[in-house]
């Protein structure tokens, strides 16, 4: 399954929301059967490498970074700060495209 909880990039306590989300996700991962694997689609975190425990977890297939409303330059910069996350920047990558 793909799990996609999104934290609003404008939330005044975004970093605290992300920390709490991480704790909840790790607890739920530990309850999965050994053969179960998940993909996470998460907004880029305020604190670099916050989601590293998910990236390294044996029940995680991938942690995909959502641009979450950041522009392309900011999204790419934040992605580079988060080892093991891969991009899924639909909004950010279409920025500036014309038909």
Protein backbone atom coordinates (compact mmCIF):
# COMPACT_ATOMS: atom_id res chain seq x y z
CA UNK A 1 0.00 0.00 0.00
CA UNK A 2 0.89 3.66 -0.41
CA UNK A 3 0.43 5.81 2.69
CA UNK A 4 0.11 9.55 1.95
CA UNK A 5 -0.45 11.73 5.02
CA UNK A 6 0.33 15.32 4.06
CA UNK A 7 1.48 17.98 6.52
CA UNK A 8 0.56 21.52 5.44
CA UNK A 9 3.77 23.44 4.67
CA UNK A 10 2.19 26.54 6.20
CA UNK A 11 1.28 24.91 9.51
CA UNK A 12 2.77 27.04 12.31
CA UNK A 13 3.93 23.90 14.15
CA UNK A 14 4.88 21.88 11.04
CA UNK A 15 8.02 20.43 12.64
CA UNK A 16 6.05 19.15 15.65
CA UNK A 17 3.38 17.66 13.39
CA UNK A 18 6.05 15.85 11.40
CA UNK A 19 7.72 14.47 14.52
CA UNK A 20 4.40 13.14 15.83
CA UNK A 21 3.57 11.70 12.41
CA UNK A 22 6.92 9.90 12.31
CA UNK A 23 6.31 8.35 15.74
CA UNK A 24 2.87 7.11 14.67
CA UNK A 25 4.11 5.71 11.37
CA UNK A 26 6.99 3.85 13.02
CA UNK A 27 4.64 2.35 15.62
CA UNK A 28 2.29 1.13 12.89
CA UNK A 29 5.17 -0.29 10.82
CA UNK A 30 6.23 -2.38 13.77
CA UNK A 31 2.75 -3.92 13.88
CA UNK A 32 2.87 -5.12 10.26
CA UNK A 33 3.65 -8.70 9.32
CA UNK A 34 7.29 -9.27 8.23
CA UNK A 35 6.19 -9.83 4.62
CA UNK A 36 4.24 -6.53 4.45
CA UNK A 37 5.91 -3.56 2.74
CA UNK A 38 4.66 0.00 2.31
CA UNK A 39 5.49 3.13 0.35
CA UNK A 40 5.22 6.49 2.08
CA UNK A 41 4.47 9.73 0.24
CA UNK A 42 5.35 12.51 2.66
CA UNK A 43 5.71 16.28 2.54
CA UNK A 44 9.35 17.31 2.70
CA UNK A 45 10.22 17.71 6.38
CA UNK A 46 11.32 20.88 8.15
CA UNK A 47 14.19 19.03 9.85
CA UNK A 48 16.51 17.38 7.29
CA UNK A 49 16.53 13.56 7.40
CA UNK A 50 13.67 13.43 9.89
CA UNK A 51 12.15 10.52 7.97
CA UNK A 52 15.44 8.60 7.75
CA UNK A 53 14.14 5.95 10.23
CA UNK A 54 11.32 5.23 7.74
CA UNK A 55 13.76 5.11 4.81
CA UNK A 56 15.86 2.52 6.66
CA UNK A 57 12.97 0.48 8.05
CA UNK A 58 12.83 -3.09 6.64
CA UNK A 59 9.08 -2.81 6.00
CA UNK A 60 9.44 0.36 3.92
CA UNK A 61 9.85 0.01 0.15
CA UNK A 62 10.28 3.74 -0.57
CA UNK A 63 9.80 7.14 0.98
CA UNK A 64 8.59 9.51 -1.71
CA UNK A 65 8.86 13.27 -1.19
CA UNK A 66 5.86 15.44 -2.00
CA UNK A 67 6.69 19.04 -2.88
CA UNK A 68 3.65 20.02 -0.81
CA UNK A 69 3.39 23.44 -2.42
CA UNK A 70 7.06 24.41 -2.35
CA UNK A 71 8.28 25.86 -5.64
CA UNK A 72 10.61 23.68 -7.71
CA UNK A 73 13.86 25.26 -6.50
CA UNK A 74 12.92 24.95 -2.82
CA UNK A 75 11.58 21.42 -3.30
CA UNK A 76 14.81 20.28 -4.97
CA UNK A 77 16.93 21.93 -2.26
CA UNK A 78 14.92 20.25 0.49
CA UNK A 79 15.02 16.89 -1.29
CA UNK A 80 18.82 17.08 -1.45
CA UNK A 81 18.84 17.46 2.35
CA UNK A 82 16.93 14.18 2.85
CA UNK A 83 18.99 11.09 2.09
CA UNK A 84 17.04 8.18 0.69
CA UNK A 85 13.90 10.10 -0.26
CA UNK A 86 12.90 10.18 -3.93
CA UNK A 87 10.92 12.92 -5.67
CA UNK A 88 7.26 13.02 -6.62
CA UNK A 89 6.93 16.70 -7.38
CA UNK A 90 3.96 16.87 -9.71
CA UNK A 91 3.17 20.51 -8.94
CA UNK A 92 6.75 21.69 -8.63
CA UNK A 93 7.95 19.95 -11.81
CA UNK A 94 5.11 21.32 -13.93
CA UNK A 95 5.88 24.85 -12.74
CA UNK A 96 6.63 27.05 -15.72
CA UNK A 97 5.53 24.56 -18.38
CA UNK A 98 3.50 25.96 -21.23
CA UNK A 99 1.36 24.16 -23.80
